[in-house]
């Protein structure tokens, strides 16, 4: 397990404080840590792609475990499955909130 490096955390907090004081914006990043673009549809497509990759990896690890691959442990397979499940549930909640917001807007009186 990785230990917490307090000097690195302090330096990161100071960098963020300086960015906030100078008025510069902190760049958005996606789940994979890549810089995020500004268009919501692109962000949602990237998120769906990431969820799909996680599910494919979980399925592959599960198949390899069932086939008896010695390089795959039960813990790896279960962990990959849980990551994929959590990512899918988060994406589903975003979709549900988008649908609800759309319905709220459509039901507003003119």
N, C-alpha and C. Protein backbone atom coordinates (compact mmCIF):
# COMPACT_ATOMS: atom_id res chain seq x y z
N UNK A 1 0.85 -1.17 0.00
CA UNK A 1 0.00 0.00 0.00
C UNK A 1 0.89 1.24 0.00
N UNK A 2 0.49 2.26 -0.72
CA UNK A 2 1.27 3.48 -0.80
C UNK A 2 1.13 4.29 0.48
N UNK A 3 2.24 4.85 0.94
CA UNK A 3 2.18 5.71 2.11
C UNK A 3 1.89 7.14 1.65
N UNK A 4 1.37 7.94 2.55
CA UNK A 4 1.03 9.32 2.23
C UNK A 4 2.28 10.17 2.41
N UNK A 5 2.63 10.89 1.37
CA UNK A 5 3.78 11.78 1.40
C UNK A 5 3.28 13.18 1.75
N UNK A 6 3.50 13.61 3.00
CA UNK A 6 2.95 14.89 3.45
C UNK A 6 3.56 16.07 2.71
N UNK A 7 4.82 16.01 2.35
CA UNK A 7 5.44 17.13 1.64
C UNK A 7 4.84 17.28 0.25
N UNK A 8 4.53 16.16 -0.40
CA UNK A 8 3.91 16.22 -1.73
C UNK A 8 2.50 16.79 -1.63
N UNK A 9 1.75 16.36 -0.61
CA UNK A 9 0.40 16.88 -0.41
C UNK A 9 0.42 18.37 -0.11
N UNK A 10 1.37 18.80 0.72
CA UNK A 10 1.49 20.22 1.05
C UNK A 10 1.82 21.03 -0.19
N UNK A 11 2.74 20.54 -1.02
CA UNK A 11 3.09 21.25 -2.25
C UNK A 11 1.90 21.35 -3.19
N UNK A 12 1.11 20.30 -3.28
CA UNK A 12 -0.09 20.31 -4.13
C UNK A 12 -1.12 21.31 -3.61
N UNK A 13 -1.30 21.35 -2.29
CA UNK A 13 -2.24 22.30 -1.70
C UNK A 13 -1.78 23.74 -1.93
N UNK A 14 -0.48 23.98 -1.82
CA UNK A 14 0.04 25.32 -2.07
C UNK A 14 -0.13 25.72 -3.52
N UNK A 15 0.08 24.78 -4.44
CA UNK A 15 -0.11 25.07 -5.86
C UNK A 15 -1.57 25.43 -6.14
N UNK A 16 -2.48 24.70 -5.53
CA UNK A 16 -3.90 24.97 -5.73
C UNK A 16 -4.29 26.32 -5.13
N UNK A 17 -3.72 26.65 -3.97
CA UNK A 17 -4.00 27.95 -3.36
C UNK A 17 -3.48 29.09 -4.22
N UNK A 18 -2.29 28.92 -4.79
CA UNK A 18 -1.73 29.95 -5.67
C UNK A 18 -2.58 30.10 -6.92
N UNK A 19 -3.06 29.00 -7.46
CA UNK A 19 -3.91 29.06 -8.65
C UNK A 19 -5.22 29.78 -8.33
N UNK A 20 -5.76 29.54 -7.13
CA UNK A 20 -7.00 30.21 -6.74
C UNK A 20 -6.78 31.70 -6.52
N UNK A 21 -5.64 32.06 -5.91
CA UNK A 21 -5.34 33.47 -5.67
C UNK A 21 -5.07 34.24 -6.95
N UNK A 22 -4.42 33.59 -7.91
CA UNK A 22 -4.06 34.29 -9.14
C UNK A 22 -5.24 34.40 -10.10
N UNK A 23 -6.32 33.71 -9.81
CA UNK A 23 -7.49 33.78 -10.67
C UNK A 23 -7.42 32.85 -11.86
N UNK A 24 -6.35 32.10 -11.99
CA UNK A 24 -6.27 31.15 -13.09
C UNK A 24 -7.16 29.96 -12.78
N UNK A 25 -7.67 29.35 -13.81
CA UNK A 25 -8.57 28.23 -13.60
C UNK A 25 -7.77 26.93 -13.52
N UNK A 26 -8.26 26.04 -12.72
CA UNK A 26 -7.68 24.72 -12.62
C UNK A 26 -8.35 23.88 -13.69
N UNK A 27 -7.56 23.16 -14.48
CA UNK A 27 -8.09 22.40 -15.59
C UNK A 27 -8.87 21.19 -15.10
N UNK A 28 -9.99 20.95 -15.77
CA UNK A 28 -10.79 19.76 -15.47
C UNK A 28 -10.08 18.54 -16.03
N UNK A 29 -10.20 17.44 -15.33
CA UNK A 29 -9.65 16.18 -15.82
C UNK A 29 -10.73 15.13 -15.74
N UNK A 30 -10.64 14.13 -16.62
CA UNK A 30 -11.62 13.06 -16.61
C UNK A 30 -11.18 11.95 -15.66
N UNK A 31 -11.88 10.86 -15.68
CA UNK A 31 -11.61 9.74 -14.77
C UNK A 31 -10.19 9.23 -14.92
N UNK A 32 -9.69 9.18 -16.14
CA UNK A 32 -8.35 8.64 -16.39
C UNK A 32 -7.25 9.66 -16.13
N UNK A 33 -7.60 10.89 -15.73
CA UNK A 33 -6.60 11.91 -15.45
C UNK A 33 -6.19 12.71 -16.66
N UNK A 34 -6.88 12.51 -17.78
CA UNK A 34 -6.57 13.26 -19.00
C UNK A 34 -7.30 14.60 -18.95
N UNK A 35 -6.75 15.65 -19.59
CA UNK A 35 -7.46 16.92 -19.61
C UNK A 35 -8.82 16.76 -20.29
N UNK A 36 -9.83 17.33 -19.67
CA UNK A 36 -11.19 17.19 -20.20
C UNK A 36 -11.50 18.34 -21.15
N UNK A 37 -12.20 18.03 -22.23
CA UNK A 37 -12.62 19.08 -23.16
C UNK A 37 -13.85 19.76 -22.58
N UNK A 38 -14.26 20.86 -23.19
CA UNK A 38 -15.35 21.66 -22.65
C UNK A 38 -16.73 21.19 -23.05
N UNK A 39 -16.89 20.41 -24.11
CA UNK A 39 -18.19 20.02 -24.61
C UNK A 39 -18.75 18.85 -23.79
N UNK A 40 -19.98 19.02 -23.26
CA UNK A 40 -20.55 18.00 -22.40
C UNK A 40 -20.76 16.68 -23.12
N UNK A 41 -21.19 16.75 -24.37
CA UNK A 41 -21.42 15.50 -25.11
C UNK A 41 -20.11 14.72 -25.28
N UNK A 42 -19.00 15.45 -25.50
CA UNK A 42 -17.70 14.77 -25.59
C UNK A 42 -17.33 14.14 -24.25
N UNK A 43 -17.57 14.87 -23.17
CA UNK A 43 -17.25 14.34 -21.84
C UNK A 43 -18.08 13.10 -21.53
N UNK A 44 -19.36 13.14 -21.89
CA UNK A 44 -20.22 12.00 -21.61
C UNK A 44 -19.82 10.81 -22.47
N UNK A 45 -19.45 11.07 -23.72
CA UNK A 45 -18.99 9.98 -24.60
C UNK A 45 -17.70 9.36 -24.07
N UNK A 46 -16.79 10.19 -23.58
CA UNK A 46 -15.55 9.68 -23.00
C UNK A 46 -15.85 8.84 -21.76
N UNK A 47 -16.79 9.31 -20.94
CA UNK A 47 -17.15 8.56 -19.73
C UNK A 47 -17.76 7.21 -20.11
N UNK A 48 -18.61 7.19 -21.13
CA UNK A 48 -19.20 5.92 -21.58
C UNK A 48 -18.11 4.99 -22.10
N UNK A 49 -17.14 5.55 -22.82
CA UNK A 49 -16.03 4.74 -23.32
C UNK A 49 -15.22 4.14 -22.18
N UNK A 50 -14.99 4.94 -21.15
CA UNK A 50 -14.24 4.45 -19.99
C UNK A 50 -15.00 3.34 -19.27
N UNK A 51 -16.31 3.53 -19.11
CA UNK A 51 -17.14 2.50 -18.47
C UNK A 51 -17.10 1.22 -19.30
N UNK A 52 -17.20 1.36 -20.61
CA UNK A 52 -17.15 0.19 -21.49
C UNK A 52 -15.82 -0.54 -21.35
N UNK A 53 -14.71 0.21 -21.31
CA UNK A 53 -13.39 -0.41 -21.15
C UNK A 53 -13.31 -1.17 -19.82
N UNK A 54 -13.82 -0.56 -18.75
CA UNK A 54 -13.79 -1.22 -17.44
C UNK A 54 -14.60 -2.51 -17.46
N UNK A 55 -15.75 -2.49 -18.12
CA UNK A 55 -16.58 -3.69 -18.19
C UNK A 55 -15.91 -4.77 -19.04
N UNK A 56 -15.27 -4.36 -20.12
CA UNK A 56 -14.56 -5.33 -20.97
C UNK A 56 -13.41 -5.98 -20.20
N UNK A 57 -12.65 -5.16 -19.45
CA UNK A 57 -11.55 -5.68 -18.66
C UNK A 57 -12.05 -6.65 -17.59
N UNK A 58 -13.16 -6.29 -16.94
CA UNK A 58 -13.72 -7.17 -15.91
C UNK A 58 -14.17 -8.49 -16.52
N UNK A 59 -14.80 -8.43 -17.67
CA UNK A 59 -15.23 -9.66 -18.35
C UNK A 59 -14.05 -10.53 -18.75
N UNK A 60 -13.00 -9.88 -19.25
CA UNK A 60 -11.81 -10.62 -19.66
C UNK A 60 -11.15 -11.31 -18.46
N UNK A 61 -11.01 -10.57 -17.35
CA UNK A 61 -10.41 -11.16 -16.16
C UNK A 61 -11.26 -12.31 -15.62
N UNK A 62 -12.57 -12.14 -15.66
CA UNK A 62 -13.47 -13.20 -15.21
C UNK A 62 -13.32 -14.45 -16.08
N UNK A 63 -13.28 -14.26 -17.39
CA UNK A 63 -13.10 -15.39 -18.30
C UNK A 63 -11.77 -16.10 -18.06
N UNK A 64 -10.71 -15.30 -17.88
CA UNK A 64 -9.40 -15.90 -17.64
C UNK A 64 -9.38 -16.67 -16.33
N UNK A 65 -10.07 -16.15 -15.31
CA UNK A 65 -10.12 -16.84 -14.02
C UNK A 65 -10.86 -18.17 -14.15
N UNK A 66 -11.98 -18.15 -14.87
CA UNK A 66 -12.77 -19.37 -15.05
C UNK A 66 -11.98 -20.42 -15.83
N UNK A 67 -11.16 -19.97 -16.79
CA UNK A 67 -10.36 -20.90 -17.60
C UNK A 67 -9.14 -21.42 -16.86
N UNK A 68 -8.88 -20.87 -15.66
CA UNK A 68 -7.78 -21.38 -14.85
C UNK A 68 -6.45 -20.71 -15.10
N UNK A 69 -6.45 -19.49 -15.63
CA UNK A 69 -5.21 -18.76 -15.87
C UNK A 69 -4.52 -18.48 -14.53
N UNK A 70 -3.28 -18.95 -14.35
CA UNK A 70 -2.60 -18.75 -13.07
C UNK A 70 -2.19 -17.29 -12.83
N UNK A 71 -2.23 -16.46 -13.86
CA UNK A 71 -1.85 -15.06 -13.71
C UNK A 71 -2.97 -14.17 -13.19
N UNK A 72 -4.16 -14.74 -13.00
CA UNK A 72 -5.31 -13.96 -12.54
C UNK A 72 -5.78 -14.53 -11.21
N UNK A 73 -5.92 -13.65 -10.23
CA UNK A 73 -6.41 -14.08 -8.93
C UNK A 73 -7.89 -13.73 -8.80
N UNK A 74 -8.53 -14.36 -7.85
CA UNK A 74 -9.94 -14.07 -7.58
C UNK A 74 -10.11 -12.61 -7.17
N UNK A 75 -9.17 -12.10 -6.38
CA UNK A 75 -9.24 -10.71 -5.92
C UNK A 75 -9.19 -9.74 -7.10
N UNK A 76 -8.32 -10.00 -8.07
CA UNK A 76 -8.23 -9.13 -9.25
C UNK A 76 -9.54 -9.14 -10.02
N UNK A 77 -10.11 -10.31 -10.19
CA UNK A 77 -11.35 -10.44 -10.94
C UNK A 77 -12.51 -9.73 -10.23
N UNK A 78 -12.63 -9.93 -8.94
CA UNK A 78 -13.70 -9.29 -8.17
C UNK A 78 -13.52 -7.78 -8.14
N UNK A 79 -12.29 -7.32 -7.96
CA UNK A 79 -12.02 -5.88 -7.92
C UNK A 79 -12.36 -5.23 -9.25
N UNK A 80 -11.98 -5.85 -10.35
CA UNK A 80 -12.30 -5.30 -11.67
C UNK A 80 -13.80 -5.26 -11.88
N UNK A 81 -14.50 -6.29 -11.43
CA UNK A 81 -15.96 -6.30 -11.55
C UNK A 81 -16.62 -5.21 -10.74
N UNK A 82 -16.11 -4.96 -9.54
CA UNK A 82 -16.67 -3.91 -8.70
C UNK A 82 -16.39 -2.52 -9.27
N UNK A 83 -15.19 -2.32 -9.82
CA UNK A 83 -14.88 -1.03 -10.46
C UNK A 83 -15.83 -0.78 -11.62
N UNK A 84 -16.05 -1.79 -12.42
CA UNK A 84 -16.96 -1.66 -13.57
C UNK A 84 -18.38 -1.38 -13.09
N UNK A 85 -18.80 -2.05 -12.03
CA UNK A 85 -20.15 -1.87 -11.50
C UNK A 85 -20.35 -0.45 -10.96
N UNK A 86 -19.37 0.04 -10.23
CA UNK A 86 -19.47 1.39 -9.67
C UNK A 86 -19.47 2.43 -10.78
N UNK A 87 -18.62 2.26 -11.77
CA UNK A 87 -18.58 3.20 -12.90
C UNK A 87 -19.90 3.20 -13.65
N UNK A 88 -20.49 2.01 -13.84
CA UNK A 88 -21.77 1.93 -14.54
C UNK A 88 -22.87 2.61 -13.74
N UNK A 89 -22.91 2.36 -12.44
CA UNK A 89 -23.94 2.97 -11.59
C UNK A 89 -23.81 4.50 -11.59
N UNK A 90 -22.59 5.01 -11.54
CA UNK A 90 -22.38 6.46 -11.57
C UNK A 90 -22.87 7.04 -12.90
N UNK A 91 -22.56 6.37 -13.99
CA UNK A 91 -23.01 6.83 -15.31
C UNK A 91 -24.53 6.77 -15.40
N UNK A 92 -25.13 5.74 -14.86
CA UNK A 92 -26.58 5.61 -14.86
C UNK A 92 -27.24 6.75 -14.07
N UNK A 93 -26.64 7.11 -12.94
CA UNK A 93 -27.19 8.21 -12.14
C UNK A 93 -27.09 9.54 -12.89
N UNK A 94 -25.99 9.76 -13.61
CA UNK A 94 -25.86 10.98 -14.41
C UNK A 94 -26.95 11.01 -15.48
N UNK A 95 -27.17 9.88 -16.13
CA UNK A 95 -28.22 9.81 -17.16
C UNK A 95 -29.59 10.08 -16.55
N UNK A 96 -29.87 9.50 -15.40
CA UNK A 96 -31.16 9.71 -14.75
C UNK A 96 -31.37 11.18 -14.40
N UNK A 97 -30.33 11.83 -13.93
CA UNK A 97 -30.46 13.25 -13.59
C UNK A 97 -30.63 14.11 -14.83
N UNK A 98 -29.98 13.74 -15.92
CA UNK A 98 -30.17 14.47 -17.17
C UNK A 98 -31.60 14.32 -17.67
N UNK A 99 -32.13 13.12 -17.62
CA UNK A 99 -33.51 12.89 -18.05
C UNK A 99 -34.47 13.68 -17.17
N UNK A 100 -34.24 13.67 -15.87
CA UNK A 100 -35.10 14.41 -14.95
C UNK A 100 -35.03 15.91 -15.22
N UNK A 101 -33.84 16.44 -15.46
CA UNK A 101 -33.69 17.86 -15.78
C UNK A 101 -34.41 18.20 -17.07
N UNK A 102 -34.29 17.35 -18.07
CA UNK A 102 -34.98 17.57 -19.34
C UNK A 102 -36.49 17.58 -19.13
N UNK A 103 -37.00 16.62 -18.35
CA UNK A 103 -38.44 16.57 -18.09
C UNK A 103 -38.91 17.80 -17.32
N UNK A 104 -38.11 18.26 -16.37
CA UNK A 104 -38.46 19.47 -15.62
C UNK A 104 -38.55 20.68 -16.54
N UNK A 105 -37.59 20.79 -17.44
CA UNK A 105 -37.60 21.92 -18.38
C UNK A 105 -38.79 21.83 -19.32
N UNK A 106 -39.08 20.64 -19.81
CA UNK A 106 -40.20 20.48 -20.74
C UNK A 106 -41.55 20.71 -20.07
N UNK A 107 -41.64 20.51 -18.77
CA UNK A 107 -42.90 20.71 -18.04
C UNK A 107 -43.08 22.14 -17.54
N UNK A 108 -42.09 23.00 -17.77
CA UNK A 108 -42.22 24.39 -17.34
C UNK A 108 -43.26 25.10 -18.21
N UNK A 109 -44.10 25.90 -17.57
CA UNK A 109 -45.07 26.65 -18.37
C UNK A 109 -44.38 27.79 -19.12
N UNK A 110 -44.88 28.05 -20.31
CA UNK A 110 -44.32 29.14 -21.11
C UNK A 110 -44.98 30.38 -20.68
